[in-house]
C-alpha atoms as a PDB file:
ATOM      1  CA  MET A   1     -20.970  -0.258 -18.405  1.00  0.00           C
ATOM      2  CA  LYS A   2     -17.833  -1.383 -20.228  1.00  0.00           C
ATOM      3  CA  LYS A   3     -15.603   0.782 -18.003  1.00  0.00           C
ATOM      4  CA  HIS A   4     -16.508  -1.454 -15.047  1.00  0.00           C
ATOM      5  CA  ILE A   5     -15.364  -4.681 -16.745  1.00  0.00           C
ATOM      6  CA  PRO A   6     -11.606  -4.184 -16.066  1.00  0.00           C
ATOM      7  CA  ASN A   7     -12.276  -3.115 -12.467  1.00  0.00           C
ATOM      8  CA  THR A   8     -14.441  -6.199 -11.912  1.00  0.00           C
ATOM      9  CA  LEU A   9     -11.533  -8.362 -13.124  1.00  0.00           C
ATOM     10  CA  THR A  10      -9.223  -6.496 -10.736  1.00  0.00           C
ATOM     11  CA  LEU A  11     -11.588  -7.249  -7.866  1.00  0.00           C
ATOM     12  CA  GLY A  12     -11.409 -10.891  -8.947  1.00  0.00           C
ATOM     13  CA  ASN A  13      -7.654 -10.652  -8.372  1.00  0.00           C
ATOM     14  CA  LEU A  14      -8.253  -9.214  -4.896  1.00  0.00           C
ATOM     15  CA  PHE A  15     -10.799 -11.919  -4.054  1.00  0.00           C
ATOM     16  CA  CYS A  16      -8.349 -14.661  -5.053  1.00  0.00           C
ATOM     17  CA  GLY A  17      -5.587 -12.978  -3.062  1.00  0.00           C
ATOM     18  CA  THR A  18      -7.767 -12.719   0.038  1.00  0.00           C
ATOM     19  CA  LEU A  19      -8.672 -16.410  -0.141  1.00  0.00           C
ATOM     20  CA  ALA A  20      -5.014 -17.290  -0.789  1.00  0.00           C
ATOM     21  CA  THR A  21      -4.096 -15.432   2.410  1.00  0.00           C
ATOM     22  CA  VAL A  22      -6.470 -17.626   4.408  1.00  0.00           C
ATOM     23  CA  PHE A  23      -5.070 -20.835   2.906  1.00  0.00           C
ATOM     24  CA  ALA A  24      -1.460 -19.640   3.370  1.00  0.00           C
ATOM     25  CA  ILE A  25      -2.098 -19.183   7.097  1.00  0.00           C
ATOM     26  CA  LYS A  26      -3.657 -22.640   7.266  1.00  0.00           C
ATOM     27  CA  GLY A  27      -0.649 -24.118   5.454  1.00  0.00           C
ATOM     28  CA  ASP A  28      -2.600 -25.340   2.429  1.00  0.00           C
ATOM     29  CA  PHE A  29      -0.030 -24.304  -0.163  1.00  0.00           C
ATOM     30  CA  TYR A  30      -1.616 -26.068  -3.096  1.00  0.00           C
ATOM     31  CA  ALA A  31      -4.804 -24.036  -2.728  1.00  0.00           C
ATOM     32  CA  THR A  32      -2.684 -20.951  -2.081  1.00  0.00           C
ATOM     33  CA  ALA A  33      -0.766 -21.453  -5.321  1.00  0.00           C
ATOM     34  CA  VAL A  34      -3.917 -22.084  -7.387  1.00  0.00           C
ATOM     35  CA  LEU A  35      -5.545 -18.921  -6.056  1.00  0.00           C
ATOM     36  CA  VAL A  36      -2.439 -16.785  -6.590  1.00  0.00           C
ATOM     37  CA  ILE A  37      -2.142 -18.020 -10.184  1.00  0.00           C
ATOM     38  CA  LEU A  38      -5.830 -17.246 -10.745  1.00  0.00           C
ATOM     39  CA  GLY A  39      -5.320 -13.810  -9.211  1.00  0.00           C
ATOM     40  CA  ILE A  40      -2.349 -13.102 -11.474  1.00  0.00           C
ATOM     41  CA  GLY A  41      -4.497 -14.255 -14.399  1.00  0.00           C
ATOM     42  CA  PHE A  42      -7.134 -11.679 -13.454  1.00  0.00           C
ATOM     43  CA  ASP A  43      -4.341  -9.114 -13.105  1.00  0.00           C
ATOM     44  CA  PHE A  44      -3.253  -9.779 -16.686  1.00  0.00           C
ATOM     45  CA  LEU A  45      -6.808  -9.755 -18.042  1.00  0.00           C
ATOM     46  CA  ASP A  46      -7.845  -6.475 -16.387  1.00  0.00           C
ATOM     47  CA  GLY A  47      -5.076  -4.557 -18.129  1.00  0.00           C
ATOM     48  CA  PHE A  48      -5.784  -6.326 -21.418  1.00  0.00           C
ATOM     49  CA  ALA A  49      -9.504  -5.532 -21.125  1.00  0.00           C
ATOM     50  CA  ALA A  50      -8.816  -1.894 -20.252  1.00  0.00           C
ATOM     51  CA  ARG A  51      -6.619  -1.456 -23.324  1.00  0.00           C
ATOM     52  CA  LEU A  52      -9.032  -3.351 -25.566  1.00  0.00           C
ATOM     53  CA  LEU A  53     -12.058  -1.334 -24.399  1.00  0.00           C
ATOM     54  CA  LYS A  54     -10.023   1.904 -24.201  1.00  0.00           C
ATOM     55  CA  VAL A  55     -11.168   2.633 -20.661  1.00  0.00           C
ATOM     56  CA  GLN A  56      -7.807   2.991 -18.931  1.00  0.00           C
ATOM     57  CA  GLY A  57      -7.964   5.390 -16.006  1.00  0.00           C
ATOM     58  CA  GLU A  58      -6.451   6.420 -12.698  1.00  0.00           C
ATOM     59  CA  LEU A  59      -9.011   4.469 -10.655  1.00  0.00           C
ATOM     60  CA  GLY A  60      -8.114   1.225 -12.396  1.00  0.00           C
ATOM     61  CA  LYS A  61      -4.401   1.902 -11.910  1.00  0.00           C
ATOM     62  CA  GLN A  62      -4.766   2.420  -8.160  1.00  0.00           C
ATOM     63  CA  LEU A  63      -7.191  -0.484  -7.745  1.00  0.00           C
ATOM     64  CA  ASP A  64      -4.808  -2.787  -9.614  1.00  0.00           C
ATOM     65  CA  SER A  65      -1.938  -2.055  -7.231  1.00  0.00           C
ATOM     66  CA  LEU A  66      -4.144  -2.476  -4.162  1.00  0.00           C
ATOM     67  CA  ALA A  67      -5.239  -5.912  -5.378  1.00  0.00           C
ATOM     68  CA  ASP A  68      -1.633  -6.861  -6.245  1.00  0.00           C
ATOM     69  CA  MET A  69      -0.580  -5.861  -2.736  1.00  0.00           C
ATOM     70  CA  VAL A  70      -2.632  -8.754  -1.350  1.00  0.00           C
ATOM     71  CA  THR A  71      -2.083 -11.411  -4.027  1.00  0.00           C
ATOM     72  CA  SER A  72       1.569 -10.637  -4.721  1.00  0.00           C
ATOM     73  CA  GLY A  73       2.579  -8.947  -1.483  1.00  0.00           C
ATOM     74  CA  VAL A  74       0.865 -10.321   1.608  1.00  0.00           C
ATOM     75  CA  VAL A  75       0.590 -13.924   0.372  1.00  0.00           C
ATOM     76  CA  PRO A  76       4.277 -14.519  -0.550  1.00  0.00           C
ATOM     77  CA  GLY A  77       5.347 -12.924   2.734  1.00  0.00           C
ATOM     78  CA  LEU A  78       3.178 -15.375   4.684  1.00  0.00           C
ATOM     79  CA  VAL A  79       4.401 -18.336   2.614  1.00  0.00           C
ATOM     80  CA  MET A  80       8.028 -17.376   3.246  1.00  0.00           C
ATOM     81  CA  MET A  81       7.276 -17.185   6.972  1.00  0.00           C
ATOM     82  CA  GLN A  82       5.931 -20.733   6.872  1.00  0.00           C
ATOM     83  CA  LEU A  83       8.972 -21.960   4.944  1.00  0.00           C
ATOM     84  CA  LEU A  84      11.298 -20.421   7.512  1.00  0.00           C
ATOM     85  CA  VAL A  85       9.361 -22.171  10.291  1.00  0.00           C
ATOM     86  CA  ASN A  86       9.960 -25.452   8.509  1.00  0.00           C
ATOM     87  CA  ALA A  87      13.645 -24.661   7.951  1.00  0.00           C
ATOM     88  CA  ILE A  88      14.264 -23.730  11.597  1.00  0.00           C
ATOM     89  CA  ASP A  89      12.380 -26.638  13.143  1.00  0.00           C
ATOM     90  CA  ILE A  90      12.469 -29.674  10.872  1.00  0.00           C
ATOM     91  CA  ASP A  91       9.915 -31.344  13.173  1.00  0.00           C
ATOM     92  CA  ALA A  92       7.411 -28.755  11.977  1.00  0.00           C
ATOM     93  CA  VAL A  93       7.219 -30.389   8.534  1.00  0.00           C
ATOM     94  CA  GLY A  94       3.563 -30.927   7.761  1.00  0.00           C
ATOM     95  CA  TYR A  95       2.665 -28.765  10.758  1.00  0.00           C
ATOM     96  CA  PHE A  96       2.317 -25.412   9.046  1.00  0.00           C
ATOM     97  CA  GLY A  97      -0.087 -22.805  10.317  1.00  0.00           C
ATOM     98  CA  VAL A  98      -0.221 -20.153  13.025  1.00  0.00           C
ATOM     99  CA  ASP A  99       0.491 -22.617  15.835  1.00  0.00           C
ATOM    100  CA  ALA A 100       3.767 -23.656  14.240  1.00  0.00           C
ATOM    101  CA  TYR A 101       5.466 -20.387  15.200  1.00  0.00           C
ATOM    102  CA  GLY A 102       5.323 -21.357  18.848  1.00  0.00           C
ATOM    103  CA  LYS A 103       7.192 -24.576  18.067  1.00  0.00           C
ATOM    104  CA  THR A 104      10.290 -22.853  16.701  1.00  0.00           C
ATOM    105  CA  GLY A 105      10.922 -20.510  19.628  1.00  0.00           C
ATOM    106  CA  SER A 106      12.368 -18.068  17.083  1.00  0.00           C
ATOM    107  CA  ASN A 107      11.322 -14.732  15.602  1.00  0.00           C
ATOM    108  CA  LEU A 108      13.364 -15.390  12.469  1.00  0.00           C
ATOM    109  CA  PRO A 109      10.339 -16.423  10.349  1.00  0.00           C
ATOM    110  CA  TYR A 110       8.985 -12.872  10.534  1.00  0.00           C
ATOM    111  CA  ILE A 111      11.848 -11.749   8.292  1.00  0.00           C
ATOM    112  CA  GLY A 112       9.797 -13.335   5.493  1.00  0.00           C
ATOM    113  CA  LEU A 113       7.438 -10.366   5.759  1.00  0.00           C
ATOM    114  CA  LEU A 114      10.154  -8.179   4.225  1.00  0.00           C
ATOM    115  CA  LEU A 115       8.792  -9.441   0.915  1.00  0.00           C
ATOM    116  CA  THR A 116       5.423  -7.895   1.803  1.00  0.00           C
ATOM    117  CA  LEU A 117       6.969  -4.570   2.821  1.00  0.00           C
ATOM    118  CA  PHE A 118       9.171  -4.212  -0.245  1.00  0.00           C
ATOM    119  CA  ALA A 119       6.332  -5.343  -2.533  1.00  0.00           C
ATOM    120  CA  CYS A 120       4.251  -2.496  -1.119  1.00  0.00           C
ATOM    121  CA  TYR A 121       7.095  -0.044  -1.723  1.00  0.00           C
ATOM    122  CA  ARG A 122       7.516  -1.282  -5.292  1.00  0.00           C
ATOM    123  CA  LEU A 123       3.812  -0.982  -6.104  1.00  0.00           C
ATOM    124  CA  ALA A 124       3.730   2.580  -4.759  1.00  0.00           C
ATOM    125  CA  LYS A 125       6.753   3.472  -6.921  1.00  0.00           C
ATOM    126  CA  PHE A 126       5.175   1.794  -9.938  1.00  0.00           C
ATOM    127  CA  ASN A 127       2.078   3.990  -9.699  1.00  0.00           C
ATOM    128  CA  ILE A 128       4.076   7.222  -9.996  1.00  0.00           C
ATOM    129  CA  ASP A 129       6.801   5.994 -12.369  1.00  0.00           C
ATOM    130  CA  GLU A 130       5.914   6.972 -15.945  1.00  0.00           C
ATOM    131  CA  ARG A 131       8.800   4.915 -17.362  1.00  0.00           C
ATOM    132  CA  GLN A 132       7.036   1.589 -16.794  1.00  0.00           C
ATOM    133  CA  SER A 133       4.190   1.737 -19.316  1.00  0.00           C
ATOM    134  CA  ASP A 134       5.737  -0.762 -21.778  1.00  0.00           C
ATOM    135  CA  SER A 135       8.371  -2.436 -19.605  1.00  0.00           C
ATOM    136  CA  PHE A 136       9.328  -2.806 -15.954  1.00  0.00           C
ATOM    137  CA  ILE A 137      11.978  -1.263 -13.725  1.00  0.00           C
ATOM    138  CA  GLY A 138      12.679  -3.908 -11.102  1.00  0.00           C
ATOM    139  CA  VAL A 139      11.152  -7.376 -10.760  1.00  0.00           C
ATOM    140  CA  PRO A 140       7.321  -7.229 -10.873  1.00  0.00           C
ATOM    141  CA  THR A 141       5.570  -8.393  -7.711  1.00  0.00           C
ATOM    142  CA  PRO A 142       3.671 -11.219  -9.507  1.00  0.00           C
ATOM    143  CA  ALA A 143       7.018 -12.715 -10.622  1.00  0.00           C
ATOM    144  CA  MET A 144       8.308 -12.634  -7.050  1.00  0.00           C
ATOM    145  CA  SER A 145       5.057 -14.140  -5.790  1.00  0.00           C
ATOM    146  CA  LEU A 146       5.172 -17.022  -8.291  1.00  0.00           C
ATOM    147  CA  PHE A 147       8.759 -17.788  -7.276  1.00  0.00           C
ATOM    148  CA  VAL A 148       7.907 -17.947  -3.570  1.00  0.00           C
ATOM    149  CA  ILE A 149       4.630 -19.887  -3.767  1.00  0.00           C
ATOM    150  CA  SER A 150       6.320 -22.565  -5.886  1.00  0.00           C
ATOM    151  CA  LEU A 151       8.841 -23.401  -3.154  1.00  0.00           C
ATOM    152  CA  PRO A 152       6.515 -25.307  -0.754  1.00  0.00           C
ATOM    153  CA  LEU A 153       5.029 -27.154  -3.742  1.00  0.00           C
ATOM    154  CA  ILE A 154       8.520 -28.333  -4.688  1.00  0.00           C
ATOM    155  CA  LEU A 155       8.941 -29.591  -1.119  1.00  0.00           C
ATOM    156  CA  GLU A 156       5.719 -31.572  -1.328  1.00  0.00           C
ATOM    157  CA  TYR A 157       5.548 -32.771  -4.912  1.00  0.00           C
ATOM    158  CA  SER A 158       9.092 -32.832  -6.304  1.00  0.00           C
ATOM    159  CA  SER A 159      11.508 -35.757  -6.188  1.00  0.00           C
ATOM    160  CA  PHE A 160      14.582 -33.583  -6.798  1.00  0.00           C
ATOM    161  CA  ASN A 161      16.455 -33.967  -3.502  1.00  0.00           C
ATOM    162  CA  PHE A 162      18.841 -31.118  -4.302  1.00  0.00           C
ATOM    163  CA  PHE A 163      16.010 -28.588  -4.526  1.00  0.00           C
ATOM    164  CA  ILE A 164      14.242 -30.029  -1.479  1.00  0.00           C
ATOM    165  CA  GLU A 165      17.360 -29.696   0.675  1.00  0.00           C
ATOM    166  CA  LEU A 166      17.918 -26.190  -0.650  1.00  0.00           C
ATOM    167  CA  ILE A 167      14.405 -25.035   0.262  1.00  0.00           C
ATOM    168  CA  GLN A 168      14.789 -26.520   3.749  1.00  0.00           C
ATOM    169  CA  ASN A 169      17.887 -24.401   4.327  1.00  0.00           C
ATOM    170  CA  LYS A 170      17.073 -21.241   6.275  1.00  0.00           C
ATOM    171  CA  TYR A 171      20.065 -19.367   4.852  1.00  0.00           C
ATOM    172  CA  PHE A 172      18.853 -20.013   1.307  1.00  0.00           C
ATOM    173  CA  LEU A 173      15.370 -18.757   2.232  1.00  0.00           C
ATOM    174  CA  LEU A 174      16.785 -15.645   3.890  1.00  0.00           C
ATOM    175  CA  ALA A 175      18.955 -15.006   0.820  1.00  0.00           C
ATOM    176  CA  ILE A 176      15.888 -15.317  -1.427  1.00  0.00           C
ATOM    177  CA  THR A 177      13.975 -12.906   0.826  1.00  0.00           C
ATOM    178  CA  PHE A 178      16.701 -10.261   0.762  1.00  0.00           C
ATOM    179  CA  LEU A 179      17.434 -10.772  -2.952  1.00  0.00           C
ATOM    180  CA  PHE A 180      13.860 -10.299  -4.124  1.00  0.00           C
ATOM    181  CA  SER A 181      13.266  -7.430  -1.686  1.00  0.00           C
ATOM    182  CA  TYR A 182      16.141  -5.685  -3.463  1.00  0.00           C
ATOM    183  CA  LEU A 183      15.311  -6.784  -7.029  1.00  0.00           C
ATOM    184  CA  MET A 184      11.721  -5.532  -6.810  1.00  0.00           C
ATOM    185  CA  ASN A 185      13.001  -1.996  -6.254  1.00  0.00           C
ATOM    186  CA  ALA A 186      16.281  -2.060  -8.185  1.00  0.00           C
ATOM    187  CA  GLU A 187      16.840   0.168 -11.234  1.00  0.00           C
ATOM    188  CA  LEU A 188      16.836  -2.926 -13.397  1.00  0.00           C
ATOM    189  CA  PRO A 189      15.015  -2.728 -16.769  1.00  0.00           C
ATOM    190  CA  LEU A 190      12.968  -5.872 -17.487  1.00  0.00           C
ATOM    191  CA  PHE A 191      10.885  -6.632 -20.554  1.00  0.00           C
ATOM    192  CA  SER A 192       7.124  -6.884 -20.304  1.00  0.00           C
ATOM    193  CA  LEU A 193       4.940  -9.631 -21.789  1.00  0.00           C
ATOM    194  CA  LYS A 194       2.504  -7.036 -23.125  1.00  0.00           C
ATOM    195  CA  PHE A 195       2.180  -7.466 -26.908  1.00  0.00           C
ATOM    196  CA  LYS A 196       1.450  -4.402 -29.033  1.00  0.00           C
ATOM    197  CA  SER A 197       1.478  -6.746 -32.032  1.00  0.00           C
ATOM    198  CA  PHE A 198       1.961 -10.484 -32.392  1.00  0.00           C
ATOM    199  CA  GLY A 199       4.616 -10.335 -35.105  1.00  0.00           C
ATOM    200  CA  PHE A 200       7.993 -11.907 -34.384  1.00  0.00           C
ATOM    201  CA  LYS A 201       9.960  -8.746 -35.118  1.00  0.00           C
ATOM    202  CA  GLY A 202      10.240  -6.667 -31.981  1.00  0.00           C
ATOM    203  CA  ASN A 203       8.938  -9.535 -29.834  1.00  0.00           C
ATOM    204  CA  GLU A 204      11.890 -11.921 -30.223  1.00  0.00           C
ATOM    205  CA  ILE A 205      12.835 -11.915 -26.538  1.00  0.00           C
ATOM    206  CA  LYS A 206       9.214 -12.504 -25.489  1.00  0.00           C
ATOM    207  CA  TYR A 207       8.701 -15.469 -27.798  1.00  0.00           C
ATOM    208  CA  LEU A 208      12.062 -16.948 -26.775  1.00  0.00           C
ATOM    209  CA  PHE A 209      11.099 -16.645 -23.111  1.00  0.00           C
ATOM    210  CA  LEU A 210       7.684 -18.252 -23.684  1.00  0.00           C
ATOM    211  CA  LEU A 211       9.217 -21.123 -25.687  1.00  0.00           C
ATOM    212  CA  LEU A 212      11.905 -21.852 -23.087  1.00  0.00           C
ATOM    213  CA  SER A 213       9.307 -21.623 -20.306  1.00  0.00           C
ATOM    214  CA  ILE A 214       7.098 -24.249 -21.974  1.00  0.00           C
ATOM    215  CA  VAL A 215      10.084 -26.587 -22.423  1.00  0.00           C
ATOM    216  CA  LEU A 216      11.124 -26.151 -18.788  1.00  0.00           C
ATOM    217  CA  LEU A 217       7.592 -26.841 -17.542  1.00  0.00           C
ATOM    218  CA  ILE A 218       7.376 -30.030 -19.599  1.00  0.00           C
ATOM    219  CA  VAL A 219      10.771 -31.298 -18.419  1.00  0.00           C
ATOM    220  CA  LEU A 220      10.926 -30.100 -14.807  1.00  0.00           C
ATOM    221  CA  LYS A 221       7.239 -29.543 -13.957  1.00  0.00           C
ATOM    222  CA  ILE A 222       6.820 -27.628 -10.675  1.00  0.00           C
ATOM    223  CA  VAL A 223      10.578 -27.130 -10.261  1.00  0.00           C
ATOM    224  CA  ALA A 224      10.504 -25.102 -13.482  1.00  0.00           C
ATOM    225  CA  ILE A 225       8.595 -22.166 -11.936  1.00  0.00           C
ATOM    226  CA  PRO A 226      11.434 -20.553  -9.928  1.00  0.00           C
ATOM    227  CA  ILE A 227      13.845 -21.354 -12.771  1.00  0.00           C
ATOM    228  CA  ILE A 228      11.532 -19.553 -15.217  1.00  0.00           C
ATOM    229  CA  ILE A 229      11.513 -16.450 -12.998  1.00  0.00           C
ATOM    230  CA  LEU A 230      15.339 -16.478 -12.906  1.00  0.00           C
ATOM    231  CA  LEU A 231      15.353 -17.024 -16.691  1.00  0.00           C
ATOM    232  CA  TYR A 232      13.142 -13.948 -17.073  1.00  0.00           C
ATOM    233  CA  ILE A 233      15.658 -11.835 -15.160  1.00  0.00           C
ATOM    234  CA  ILE A 234      18.654 -13.261 -17.064  1.00  0.00           C
ATOM    235  CA  LEU A 235      17.035 -12.764 -20.486  1.00  0.00           C
ATOM    236  CA  SER A 236      16.164  -9.193 -19.512  1.00  0.00           C
ATOM    237  CA  LEU A 237      19.802  -8.518 -18.632  1.00  0.00           C
ATOM    238  CA  ILE A 238      20.922 -10.012 -21.967  1.00  0.00           C
ATOM    239  CA  ASN A 239      18.282  -7.966 -23.793  1.00  0.00           C
ATOM    240  CA  ASN A 240      19.541  -4.809 -22.091  1.00  0.00           C
ATOM    241  CA  LEU A 241      23.103  -5.530 -23.213  1.00  0.00           C
ATOM    242  CA  VAL A 242      22.008  -6.246 -26.806  1.00  0.00           C
ATOM    243  CA  ARG A 243      19.969  -3.021 -26.984  1.00  0.00           C
ATOM    244  CA  LYS A 244      22.904  -1.006 -25.670  1.00  0.00           C
END
């Protein structure tokens, strides 16, 4: 029976992602964010459980990517579409949802779905790339998803006008869409938060990242989430240079 425990956790990820899709379409971004974070939590736990129980297999690997495709592929694409609606037609603020697309008179919001397409491409590559067992090549889809789902929450709950104005700028949103579509599939080595041991030696970059992330969350709250994702990429680049 123990071999089914990781797969059950993976299905929990898929369930959260499916519900998050519904709330993203409705424009309830708080519920969307909570469900995506829960889904990513299940995504972390299924791999941990598989390694702990020594039941890693091909089925779990494929199932994991299929679940990630919804939680960290479909959902961020839909959220970016909604953000672009808001950026194109400022009168659509607070009027998210499927009907809002008719208000803009523009097809530009559909560019947000590039995140979904390139997330799918990345996950397919990940499944056949044997180099990514202990680290990542390209930005993981959960990191991209966390970045995107945090943006509407900053609009609603943050008092930082600079970030609010930035997220309401369609050119910024398009730049984010193109940037992460590229970074997910770039030949860019990034460290993983998987711990083979909990000693400091060999895990310095991971502990530094976790410490800085906690500080940023305390100081900046919701605004810290996209900054933490950028910090992850920057620290990975520094780590690559140090190792070379």
